N, C-alpha and C. Protein backbone atom coordinates (compact mmCIF):
# COMPACT_ATOMS: atom_id res chain seq x y z
N UNK A 1 118.77 114.02 87.75
CA UNK A 1 118.95 115.45 87.85
C UNK A 1 117.61 116.12 87.50
N UNK A 2 117.20 117.11 88.27
CA UNK A 2 115.93 117.79 88.04
C UNK A 2 116.08 118.85 86.95
N UNK A 3 114.94 119.29 86.43
CA UNK A 3 114.96 120.36 85.42
C UNK A 3 115.54 121.65 86.00
N UNK A 4 115.26 121.92 87.28
CA UNK A 4 115.81 123.13 87.91
C UNK A 4 117.33 123.08 87.94
N UNK A 5 117.89 121.90 88.26
CA UNK A 5 119.34 121.76 88.30
C UNK A 5 119.94 121.90 86.90
N UNK A 6 119.29 121.33 85.91
CA UNK A 6 119.79 121.41 84.53
C UNK A 6 119.80 122.86 84.06
N UNK A 7 118.68 123.59 84.31
CA UNK A 7 118.63 124.99 83.90
C UNK A 7 119.68 125.83 84.62
N UNK A 8 119.92 125.54 85.89
CA UNK A 8 120.94 126.27 86.64
C UNK A 8 122.33 126.06 86.04
N UNK A 9 122.60 124.80 85.64
CA UNK A 9 123.89 124.49 85.04
C UNK A 9 124.06 125.13 83.67
N UNK A 10 122.95 125.39 82.97
CA UNK A 10 123.03 126.00 81.64
C UNK A 10 123.29 127.51 81.70
N UNK A 11 123.04 128.13 82.84
CA UNK A 11 123.25 129.57 82.97
C UNK A 11 124.74 129.88 83.14
N UNK A 12 125.22 130.91 82.45
CA UNK A 12 126.66 131.25 82.56
C UNK A 12 127.02 131.84 83.92
N UNK A 13 126.02 132.38 84.62
CA UNK A 13 126.28 132.96 85.94
C UNK A 13 125.23 132.44 86.91
N UNK A 14 125.52 132.53 88.21
CA UNK A 14 124.57 132.13 89.24
C UNK A 14 123.48 133.19 89.35
N UNK A 15 122.23 132.80 89.16
CA UNK A 15 121.12 133.75 89.19
C UNK A 15 120.56 133.87 90.60
N UNK A 16 120.10 135.05 90.92
CA UNK A 16 119.49 135.27 92.23
C UNK A 16 118.31 136.20 92.08
N UNK A 17 117.57 136.41 93.17
CA UNK A 17 116.44 137.34 93.19
C UNK A 17 115.32 136.90 92.28
N UNK A 18 114.80 137.86 91.49
CA UNK A 18 113.69 137.59 90.59
C UNK A 18 114.07 136.57 89.51
N UNK A 19 115.32 136.60 89.09
CA UNK A 19 115.77 135.66 88.06
C UNK A 19 115.72 134.22 88.56
N UNK A 20 116.00 134.01 89.84
CA UNK A 20 115.92 132.66 90.41
C UNK A 20 114.47 132.18 90.41
N UNK A 21 113.53 133.07 90.70
CA UNK A 21 112.11 132.71 90.66
C UNK A 21 111.66 132.38 89.25
N UNK A 22 112.17 133.16 88.27
CA UNK A 22 111.84 132.90 86.86
C UNK A 22 112.40 131.54 86.42
N UNK A 23 113.62 131.25 86.87
CA UNK A 23 114.23 129.96 86.56
C UNK A 23 113.41 128.82 87.16
N UNK A 24 112.91 129.00 88.38
CA UNK A 24 112.08 127.99 89.03
C UNK A 24 110.76 127.79 88.27
N UNK A 25 110.20 128.88 87.75
CA UNK A 25 108.95 128.78 86.99
C UNK A 25 109.18 128.00 85.70
N UNK A 26 110.30 128.27 85.01
CA UNK A 26 110.62 127.52 83.80
C UNK A 26 110.82 126.03 84.11
N UNK A 27 111.51 125.76 85.21
CA UNK A 27 111.76 124.37 85.61
C UNK A 27 110.43 123.67 85.92
N UNK A 28 109.52 124.38 86.57
CA UNK A 28 108.20 123.81 86.89
C UNK A 28 107.42 123.49 85.61
N UNK A 29 107.50 124.38 84.62
CA UNK A 29 106.82 124.16 83.34
C UNK A 29 107.40 122.93 82.63
N UNK A 30 108.72 122.78 82.68
CA UNK A 30 109.36 121.61 82.08
C UNK A 30 108.98 120.33 82.82
N UNK A 31 108.80 120.40 84.15
CA UNK A 31 108.34 119.24 84.91
C UNK A 31 106.96 118.81 84.46
N UNK A 32 106.08 119.79 84.19
CA UNK A 32 104.73 119.47 83.70
C UNK A 32 104.79 118.81 82.32
N UNK A 33 105.68 119.30 81.46
CA UNK A 33 105.84 118.70 80.13
C UNK A 33 106.34 117.26 80.25
N UNK A 34 107.31 117.03 81.13
CA UNK A 34 107.82 115.67 81.35
C UNK A 34 106.71 114.74 81.83
N UNK A 35 105.90 115.22 82.77
CA UNK A 35 104.80 114.42 83.31
C UNK A 35 103.76 114.12 82.24
N UNK A 36 103.41 115.13 81.43
CA UNK A 36 102.43 114.92 80.36
C UNK A 36 102.95 113.94 79.32
N UNK A 37 104.24 114.00 79.01
CA UNK A 37 104.84 113.08 78.04
C UNK A 37 104.81 111.65 78.57
N UNK A 38 105.09 111.48 79.86
CA UNK A 38 105.04 110.14 80.47
C UNK A 38 103.62 109.60 80.45
N UNK A 39 102.63 110.45 80.75
CA UNK A 39 101.23 110.02 80.70
C UNK A 39 100.81 109.68 79.29
N UNK A 40 101.30 110.42 78.31
CA UNK A 40 100.92 110.20 76.92
C UNK A 40 101.43 108.86 76.40
N UNK A 41 102.53 108.35 76.96
CA UNK A 41 103.04 107.05 76.55
C UNK A 41 102.01 105.95 76.81
N UNK A 42 101.18 106.11 77.88
CA UNK A 42 100.14 105.13 78.16
C UNK A 42 99.05 105.13 77.10
N UNK A 43 98.89 106.22 76.40
CA UNK A 43 97.81 106.34 75.43
C UNK A 43 98.08 105.60 74.12
N UNK A 44 99.31 105.08 73.93
CA UNK A 44 99.62 104.40 72.68
C UNK A 44 99.08 102.97 72.65
N UNK A 45 98.61 102.46 73.80
CA UNK A 45 98.03 101.13 73.87
C UNK A 45 96.57 101.26 74.30
N UNK A 46 95.65 100.54 73.64
CA UNK A 46 94.24 100.71 73.97
C UNK A 46 93.87 100.24 75.36
N UNK A 47 94.59 99.25 75.91
CA UNK A 47 94.24 98.78 77.25
C UNK A 47 94.73 99.71 78.35
N UNK A 48 95.43 100.77 77.99
CA UNK A 48 95.87 101.76 78.98
C UNK A 48 95.36 103.16 78.64
N UNK A 49 94.65 103.29 77.52
CA UNK A 49 94.19 104.61 77.07
C UNK A 49 93.18 105.19 78.04
N UNK A 50 93.28 106.49 78.25
CA UNK A 50 92.34 107.20 79.11
C UNK A 50 91.84 108.44 78.40
N UNK A 51 92.74 109.36 78.15
CA UNK A 51 92.36 110.62 77.49
C UNK A 51 92.00 110.42 76.01
N UNK A 52 92.58 109.41 75.38
CA UNK A 52 92.35 109.19 73.95
C UNK A 52 91.40 108.03 73.67
N UNK A 53 90.68 107.56 74.69
CA UNK A 53 89.82 106.38 74.52
C UNK A 53 88.75 106.62 73.44
N UNK A 54 88.20 107.83 73.38
CA UNK A 54 87.18 108.12 72.37
C UNK A 54 87.77 108.07 70.96
N UNK A 55 89.03 108.48 70.81
CA UNK A 55 89.69 108.41 69.50
C UNK A 55 89.91 106.95 69.08
N UNK A 56 90.35 106.12 70.04
CA UNK A 56 90.52 104.70 69.75
C UNK A 56 89.20 104.09 69.30
N UNK A 57 88.11 104.40 70.02
CA UNK A 57 86.80 103.84 69.68
C UNK A 57 86.35 104.31 68.30
N UNK A 58 86.62 105.55 67.97
CA UNK A 58 86.26 106.06 66.64
C UNK A 58 87.00 105.31 65.54
N UNK A 59 88.29 105.07 65.75
CA UNK A 59 89.10 104.38 64.74
C UNK A 59 88.61 102.94 64.52
N UNK A 60 88.21 102.26 65.61
CA UNK A 60 87.78 100.88 65.49
C UNK A 60 86.27 100.75 65.28
N UNK A 61 85.57 101.88 65.21
CA UNK A 61 84.14 101.84 64.95
C UNK A 61 83.33 101.27 66.11
N UNK A 62 83.78 101.50 67.32
CA UNK A 62 83.10 100.98 68.51
C UNK A 62 82.27 102.09 69.13
N UNK A 63 81.01 101.78 69.40
CA UNK A 63 80.14 102.70 70.13
C UNK A 63 79.88 102.05 71.48
N UNK A 64 80.50 102.55 72.56
CA UNK A 64 80.33 101.89 73.86
C UNK A 64 78.91 102.05 74.38
N UNK A 65 78.37 100.98 75.00
CA UNK A 65 77.04 101.10 75.59
C UNK A 65 77.03 102.18 76.68
N UNK A 66 75.87 102.80 76.88
CA UNK A 66 75.76 103.83 77.91
C UNK A 66 76.11 103.22 79.27
N UNK A 67 76.88 103.95 80.04
CA UNK A 67 77.26 103.50 81.38
C UNK A 67 78.47 102.60 81.42
N UNK A 68 79.13 102.38 80.27
CA UNK A 68 80.34 101.54 80.26
C UNK A 68 81.45 102.20 81.07
N UNK A 69 82.15 101.40 81.84
CA UNK A 69 83.29 101.93 82.60
C UNK A 69 84.50 102.02 81.70
N UNK A 70 85.51 102.71 82.15
CA UNK A 70 86.75 102.83 81.38
C UNK A 70 87.34 101.45 81.11
N UNK A 71 87.35 100.58 82.12
CA UNK A 71 87.92 99.24 81.96
C UNK A 71 87.16 98.44 80.91
N UNK A 72 85.83 98.56 80.87
CA UNK A 72 85.04 97.85 79.88
C UNK A 72 85.31 98.39 78.48
N UNK A 73 85.47 99.69 78.36
CA UNK A 73 85.76 100.29 77.06
C UNK A 73 87.15 99.86 76.57
N UNK A 74 88.12 99.81 77.50
CA UNK A 74 89.46 99.36 77.13
C UNK A 74 89.44 97.90 76.69
N UNK A 75 88.68 97.05 77.40
CA UNK A 75 88.59 95.65 77.05
C UNK A 75 87.97 95.47 75.67
N UNK A 76 86.93 96.25 75.37
CA UNK A 76 86.30 96.17 74.06
C UNK A 76 87.29 96.53 72.95
N UNK A 77 88.15 97.51 73.21
CA UNK A 77 89.16 97.90 72.22
C UNK A 77 90.17 96.79 71.99
N UNK A 78 90.63 96.17 73.07
CA UNK A 78 91.61 95.10 72.93
C UNK A 78 91.02 93.94 72.15
N UNK A 79 89.76 93.60 72.45
CA UNK A 79 89.12 92.51 71.73
C UNK A 79 88.93 92.86 70.25
N UNK A 80 88.62 94.12 69.97
CA UNK A 80 88.48 94.54 68.57
C UNK A 80 89.82 94.42 67.84
N UNK A 81 90.91 94.73 68.53
CA UNK A 81 92.24 94.60 67.92
C UNK A 81 92.60 93.13 67.70
N UNK A 82 92.15 92.27 68.60
CA UNK A 82 92.47 90.84 68.50
C UNK A 82 91.61 90.14 67.47
N UNK A 83 90.51 90.76 67.06
CA UNK A 83 89.60 90.12 66.12
C UNK A 83 90.29 89.99 64.77
N UNK A 84 90.48 88.75 64.36
CA UNK A 84 91.15 88.51 63.08
C UNK A 84 90.15 88.23 61.98
N UNK A 85 88.91 88.64 62.19
CA UNK A 85 87.92 88.49 61.15
C UNK A 85 87.29 87.12 61.06
N UNK A 86 87.56 86.25 62.04
CA UNK A 86 86.97 84.92 62.01
C UNK A 86 85.49 84.97 62.31
N UNK A 87 84.73 84.09 61.68
CA UNK A 87 83.29 84.03 61.91
C UNK A 87 82.88 82.64 62.36
N UNK A 88 83.81 81.82 62.78
CA UNK A 88 83.49 80.47 63.20
C UNK A 88 83.05 80.47 64.67
N UNK A 89 82.40 79.37 65.07
CA UNK A 89 82.03 79.23 66.48
C UNK A 89 83.26 79.27 67.37
N UNK A 90 84.32 78.61 66.95
CA UNK A 90 85.53 78.55 67.76
C UNK A 90 86.11 79.94 68.00
N UNK A 91 86.00 80.79 66.99
CA UNK A 91 86.51 82.16 67.12
C UNK A 91 85.75 82.91 68.22
N UNK A 92 84.43 82.81 68.22
CA UNK A 92 83.63 83.50 69.22
C UNK A 92 83.76 82.87 70.60
N UNK A 93 83.96 81.57 70.66
CA UNK A 93 84.21 80.90 71.95
C UNK A 93 85.53 81.39 72.53
N UNK A 94 86.53 81.58 71.66
CA UNK A 94 87.83 82.09 72.11
C UNK A 94 87.71 83.53 72.60
N UNK A 95 86.90 84.35 71.93
CA UNK A 95 86.69 85.73 72.39
C UNK A 95 86.06 85.73 73.76
N UNK A 96 85.05 84.88 73.96
CA UNK A 96 84.39 84.79 75.27
C UNK A 96 85.38 84.33 76.33
N UNK A 97 86.27 83.40 75.97
CA UNK A 97 87.27 82.93 76.93
C UNK A 97 88.21 84.06 77.35
N UNK A 98 88.53 84.96 76.41
CA UNK A 98 89.36 86.11 76.76
C UNK A 98 88.66 87.00 77.79
N UNK A 99 87.34 86.95 77.80
CA UNK A 99 86.57 87.76 78.74
C UNK A 99 86.19 86.97 79.99
N UNK A 100 86.79 85.79 80.17
CA UNK A 100 86.56 85.01 81.37
C UNK A 100 85.28 84.18 81.34
N UNK A 101 84.73 83.91 80.17
CA UNK A 101 83.48 83.17 80.05
C UNK A 101 83.72 81.85 79.31
N UNK A 102 83.15 80.77 79.82
CA UNK A 102 83.19 79.48 79.15
C UNK A 102 81.81 79.23 78.57
N UNK A 103 81.70 79.23 77.26
CA UNK A 103 80.39 79.19 76.61
C UNK A 103 80.32 78.06 75.60
N UNK A 104 79.10 77.79 75.18
CA UNK A 104 78.85 76.94 74.02
C UNK A 104 77.96 77.72 73.08
N UNK A 105 78.11 77.47 71.79
CA UNK A 105 77.30 78.14 70.78
C UNK A 105 76.56 77.09 69.97
N UNK A 106 75.24 77.24 69.90
CA UNK A 106 74.41 76.34 69.11
C UNK A 106 74.01 77.04 67.83
N UNK A 107 74.32 76.41 66.70
CA UNK A 107 73.88 76.90 65.41
C UNK A 107 72.76 75.99 64.93
N UNK A 108 71.74 76.56 64.35
CA UNK A 108 70.60 75.78 63.91
C UNK A 108 70.70 75.51 62.41
N UNK A 109 70.25 74.33 62.01
CA UNK A 109 70.33 73.91 60.62
C UNK A 109 68.91 73.80 60.06
N UNK A 110 68.70 74.39 58.93
CA UNK A 110 67.41 74.29 58.26
C UNK A 110 67.30 72.89 57.67
N UNK A 111 66.17 72.21 57.88
CA UNK A 111 66.03 70.85 57.33
C UNK A 111 66.06 70.86 55.79
N UNK A 112 67.03 70.17 55.23
CA UNK A 112 67.16 70.06 53.77
C UNK A 112 67.57 68.64 53.43
N UNK A 113 67.19 68.24 52.28
CA UNK A 113 67.55 66.91 51.80
C UNK A 113 69.07 66.83 51.64
N UNK A 114 69.66 65.82 52.20
CA UNK A 114 71.10 65.62 52.09
C UNK A 114 71.90 66.35 53.16
N UNK A 115 71.24 67.21 53.97
CA UNK A 115 71.93 67.95 55.03
C UNK A 115 71.62 67.35 56.38
N UNK A 116 70.34 67.03 56.60
CA UNK A 116 69.90 66.54 57.90
C UNK A 116 70.35 65.10 58.11
N UNK A 117 70.66 64.79 59.36
CA UNK A 117 71.01 63.43 59.74
C UNK A 117 70.06 62.99 60.84
N UNK A 118 69.97 61.73 61.04
CA UNK A 118 69.10 61.19 62.09
C UNK A 118 69.55 61.73 63.44
N UNK A 119 68.61 62.31 64.18
CA UNK A 119 68.91 62.84 65.51
C UNK A 119 69.23 64.33 65.53
N UNK A 120 69.29 64.98 64.37
CA UNK A 120 69.57 66.41 64.31
C UNK A 120 68.30 67.19 64.64
N UNK A 121 68.43 68.24 65.44
CA UNK A 121 67.29 69.05 65.83
C UNK A 121 66.74 69.81 64.63
N UNK A 122 65.42 69.74 64.46
CA UNK A 122 64.77 70.46 63.37
C UNK A 122 64.53 71.90 63.80
N UNK A 123 64.49 72.80 62.83
CA UNK A 123 64.18 74.19 63.13
C UNK A 123 63.46 74.80 61.93
N UNK A 124 62.98 75.99 62.12
CA UNK A 124 62.29 76.67 61.04
C UNK A 124 63.31 77.35 60.12
N UNK A 125 62.94 77.66 58.89
CA UNK A 125 63.88 78.32 57.98
C UNK A 125 64.40 79.66 58.51
N UNK A 126 63.61 80.36 59.35
CA UNK A 126 64.06 81.65 59.86
C UNK A 126 65.14 81.50 60.93
N UNK A 127 65.27 80.31 61.49
CA UNK A 127 66.28 80.10 62.54
C UNK A 127 67.64 79.78 61.97
N UNK A 128 67.76 79.76 60.65
CA UNK A 128 69.04 79.43 60.04
C UNK A 128 70.12 80.46 60.37
N UNK A 129 69.70 81.65 60.68
CA UNK A 129 70.66 82.72 60.94
C UNK A 129 70.62 83.11 62.42
N UNK A 130 70.49 82.10 63.28
CA UNK A 130 70.41 82.38 64.72
C UNK A 130 71.37 81.48 65.48
N UNK A 131 72.00 82.06 66.50
CA UNK A 131 72.86 81.31 67.41
C UNK A 131 72.26 81.40 68.79
N UNK A 132 72.52 80.39 69.60
CA UNK A 132 72.22 80.47 71.04
C UNK A 132 73.55 80.33 71.77
N UNK A 133 73.90 81.35 72.53
CA UNK A 133 75.13 81.35 73.32
C UNK A 133 74.74 80.98 74.74
N UNK A 134 75.19 79.81 75.20
CA UNK A 134 74.82 79.29 76.51
C UNK A 134 76.02 79.28 77.44
N UNK A 135 75.72 79.26 78.74
CA UNK A 135 76.77 79.14 79.76
C UNK A 135 77.35 80.45 80.23
N UNK A 136 76.74 81.57 79.84
CA UNK A 136 77.26 82.87 80.25
C UNK A 136 76.99 83.12 81.73
N UNK A 137 77.91 83.77 82.39
CA UNK A 137 77.74 84.22 83.76
C UNK A 137 77.75 85.73 83.77
N UNK A 138 76.89 86.33 84.57
CA UNK A 138 76.96 87.77 84.78
C UNK A 138 78.08 87.98 85.80
N UNK A 139 79.15 88.57 85.35
CA UNK A 139 80.34 88.71 86.20
C UNK A 139 80.22 89.97 87.01
N UNK A 140 80.39 89.83 88.32
CA UNK A 140 80.36 90.98 89.21
C UNK A 140 81.69 91.71 89.10
N UNK A 141 81.66 92.96 88.69
CA UNK A 141 82.87 93.74 88.48
C UNK A 141 83.06 94.70 89.65
N UNK A 142 84.21 94.64 90.27
CA UNK A 142 84.51 95.54 91.38
C UNK A 142 85.51 96.58 90.92
N UNK A 143 85.40 97.76 91.51
CA UNK A 143 86.33 98.82 91.16
C UNK A 143 87.71 98.55 91.73
N UNK A 144 88.72 98.68 90.89
CA UNK A 144 90.11 98.52 91.31
C UNK A 144 90.84 99.82 91.04
N UNK A 145 91.90 100.03 91.77
CA UNK A 145 92.70 101.23 91.59
C UNK A 145 93.21 101.30 90.15
N UNK A 146 92.94 102.40 89.49
CA UNK A 146 93.41 102.60 88.13
C UNK A 146 92.45 102.12 87.05
N UNK A 147 91.33 101.46 87.45
CA UNK A 147 90.40 100.96 86.44
C UNK A 147 89.13 101.79 86.35
N UNK A 148 88.91 102.69 87.28
CA UNK A 148 87.71 103.52 87.28
C UNK A 148 88.06 104.98 87.14
N UNK A 149 87.11 105.73 86.59
CA UNK A 149 87.26 107.18 86.50
C UNK A 149 86.25 107.82 87.44
N UNK A 150 86.42 109.07 87.66
CA UNK A 150 85.51 109.82 88.52
C UNK A 150 84.09 109.71 87.99
N UNK A 151 83.16 109.31 88.86
CA UNK A 151 81.75 109.21 88.48
C UNK A 151 81.31 107.82 88.09
N UNK A 152 82.24 106.86 87.91
CA UNK A 152 81.85 105.50 87.56
C UNK A 152 81.43 104.74 88.80
N UNK A 153 80.47 103.79 88.68
CA UNK A 153 80.03 103.04 89.85
C UNK A 153 81.15 102.15 90.39
N UNK A 154 81.15 101.94 91.70
CA UNK A 154 82.20 101.14 92.34
C UNK A 154 82.02 99.65 92.09
N UNK A 155 80.82 99.21 91.82
CA UNK A 155 80.57 97.81 91.53
C UNK A 155 79.45 97.72 90.52
N UNK A 156 79.53 96.78 89.61
CA UNK A 156 78.51 96.65 88.58
C UNK A 156 78.50 95.23 88.07
N UNK A 157 77.45 94.88 87.33
CA UNK A 157 77.38 93.59 86.67
C UNK A 157 77.88 93.78 85.24
N UNK A 158 78.95 93.12 84.90
CA UNK A 158 79.52 93.26 83.57
C UNK A 158 78.89 92.29 82.58
N UNK A 159 78.34 92.79 81.52
CA UNK A 159 77.73 91.96 80.48
C UNK A 159 78.40 92.30 79.15
N UNK A 160 79.72 92.24 79.13
CA UNK A 160 80.46 92.68 77.96
C UNK A 160 80.38 91.75 76.76
N UNK A 161 80.11 90.45 76.99
CA UNK A 161 80.10 89.50 75.88
C UNK A 161 79.01 89.87 74.87
N UNK A 162 77.86 90.28 75.33
CA UNK A 162 76.77 90.64 74.42
C UNK A 162 77.19 91.75 73.48
N UNK A 163 77.76 92.81 74.03
CA UNK A 163 78.17 93.94 73.20
C UNK A 163 79.21 93.56 72.18
N UNK A 164 80.22 92.79 72.60
CA UNK A 164 81.29 92.38 71.68
C UNK A 164 80.73 91.46 70.60
N UNK A 165 79.92 90.47 70.99
CA UNK A 165 79.37 89.55 69.99
C UNK A 165 78.48 90.29 68.99
N UNK A 166 77.64 91.19 69.47
CA UNK A 166 76.76 91.91 68.56
C UNK A 166 77.54 92.81 67.62
N UNK A 167 78.69 93.30 68.07
CA UNK A 167 79.51 94.14 67.21
C UNK A 167 80.27 93.33 66.15
N UNK A 168 80.64 92.07 66.48
CA UNK A 168 81.50 91.28 65.60
C UNK A 168 80.75 90.24 64.77
N UNK A 169 79.53 89.89 65.15
CA UNK A 169 78.79 88.83 64.46
C UNK A 169 78.44 89.27 63.03
N UNK A 170 78.13 88.28 62.17
CA UNK A 170 77.64 88.65 60.84
C UNK A 170 76.35 89.47 60.97
N UNK A 171 76.17 90.44 60.10
CA UNK A 171 75.06 91.38 60.23
C UNK A 171 73.69 90.70 60.19
N UNK A 172 73.56 89.59 59.48
CA UNK A 172 72.27 88.94 59.33
C UNK A 172 71.98 87.93 60.44
N UNK A 173 72.88 87.76 61.39
CA UNK A 173 72.73 86.74 62.43
C UNK A 173 72.12 87.33 63.70
N UNK A 174 71.16 86.60 64.25
CA UNK A 174 70.57 86.96 65.54
C UNK A 174 71.20 86.08 66.60
N UNK A 175 71.54 86.66 67.76
CA UNK A 175 72.17 85.90 68.82
C UNK A 175 71.29 85.94 70.05
N UNK A 176 71.00 84.76 70.59
CA UNK A 176 70.23 84.62 71.82
C UNK A 176 71.21 84.29 72.94
N UNK A 177 71.24 85.08 74.02
CA UNK A 177 72.18 84.89 75.11
C UNK A 177 71.46 84.25 76.30
N UNK A 178 72.02 83.15 76.81
CA UNK A 178 71.44 82.44 77.95
C UNK A 178 72.43 82.49 79.10
N UNK A 179 72.01 83.08 80.22
CA UNK A 179 72.86 83.22 81.40
C UNK A 179 72.55 82.14 82.42
N UNK A 180 73.60 81.67 83.11
CA UNK A 180 73.42 80.61 84.11
C UNK A 180 73.55 81.12 85.53
N UNK A 181 74.22 82.23 85.76
CA UNK A 181 74.38 82.71 87.13
C UNK A 181 75.28 83.92 87.19
N UNK A 182 75.72 84.25 88.42
CA UNK A 182 76.60 85.38 88.66
C UNK A 182 77.88 84.84 89.27
N UNK A 183 79.00 85.25 88.76
CA UNK A 183 80.28 84.84 89.33
C UNK A 183 81.15 86.06 89.55
N UNK A 184 82.12 85.92 90.42
CA UNK A 184 83.04 87.00 90.72
C UNK A 184 84.43 86.59 90.25
N UNK A 185 85.06 87.35 89.38
CA UNK A 185 86.40 86.98 88.91
C UNK A 185 87.41 87.07 90.05
N UNK A 186 88.45 86.23 89.97
CA UNK A 186 89.47 86.24 91.02
C UNK A 186 90.34 87.47 90.97
N UNK A 187 90.42 88.14 89.87
CA UNK A 187 91.24 89.34 89.74
C UNK A 187 90.96 90.01 88.43
N UNK A 188 91.50 91.20 88.24
CA UNK A 188 91.27 91.94 86.99
C UNK A 188 92.28 91.44 85.98
N UNK A 189 91.77 90.97 84.86
CA UNK A 189 92.64 90.47 83.80
C UNK A 189 92.27 91.18 82.50
N UNK A 190 93.20 91.84 81.90
CA UNK A 190 92.98 92.41 80.58
C UNK A 190 93.34 91.34 79.56
N UNK A 191 92.51 91.16 78.54
CA UNK A 191 92.79 90.14 77.55
C UNK A 191 94.02 90.46 76.71
N UNK A 192 94.62 89.43 76.20
CA UNK A 192 95.75 89.62 75.29
C UNK A 192 95.40 88.95 73.97
N UNK A 193 96.06 89.36 72.92
CA UNK A 193 95.78 88.78 71.60
C UNK A 193 96.29 87.36 71.57
N UNK A 194 95.41 86.40 71.56
CA UNK A 194 95.84 85.01 71.54
C UNK A 194 94.89 84.12 70.79
N UNK A 195 94.11 84.68 69.88
CA UNK A 195 93.13 83.87 69.16
C UNK A 195 93.80 83.08 68.07
């Protein structure tokens, strides 16, 4: 039943003339409220947020890189929600997997007595706080219905892993990113919390 029909049924008498136009205007206003309420339901989840995306980013302390698309900003929010505070290599490998990347992470060990083993790569003391993330692909991102906003590019190279890793890594750690090529994802997949 439409809002116009409901308002008509609520009136004790059948309205006509100017009153019918006024009733139609009220019904139209209620239709707008219904539509806005339905749209607002999408804003309660970060992977569907549009109008409130800046509020979500403020709450999670995310500063999106310049030129980020709505889909990239939503993905960063979902990953921030899924982050359970882990700082292990496996945790970051799992985050990259959520973004469609299969990576390896190399941690360097400072040579110390009782730590080094035969065959272990030597490094300088300053490399103790450095990772090398290998196997990354620059993923070609295509615009899909509902994933772009007015003014966003229709196609771009997505490099979201760098931003997420730099936001979540320990503050004293430097990360070196090594890319192997460009790949195109088979479809748009939003990550889910599964770490």
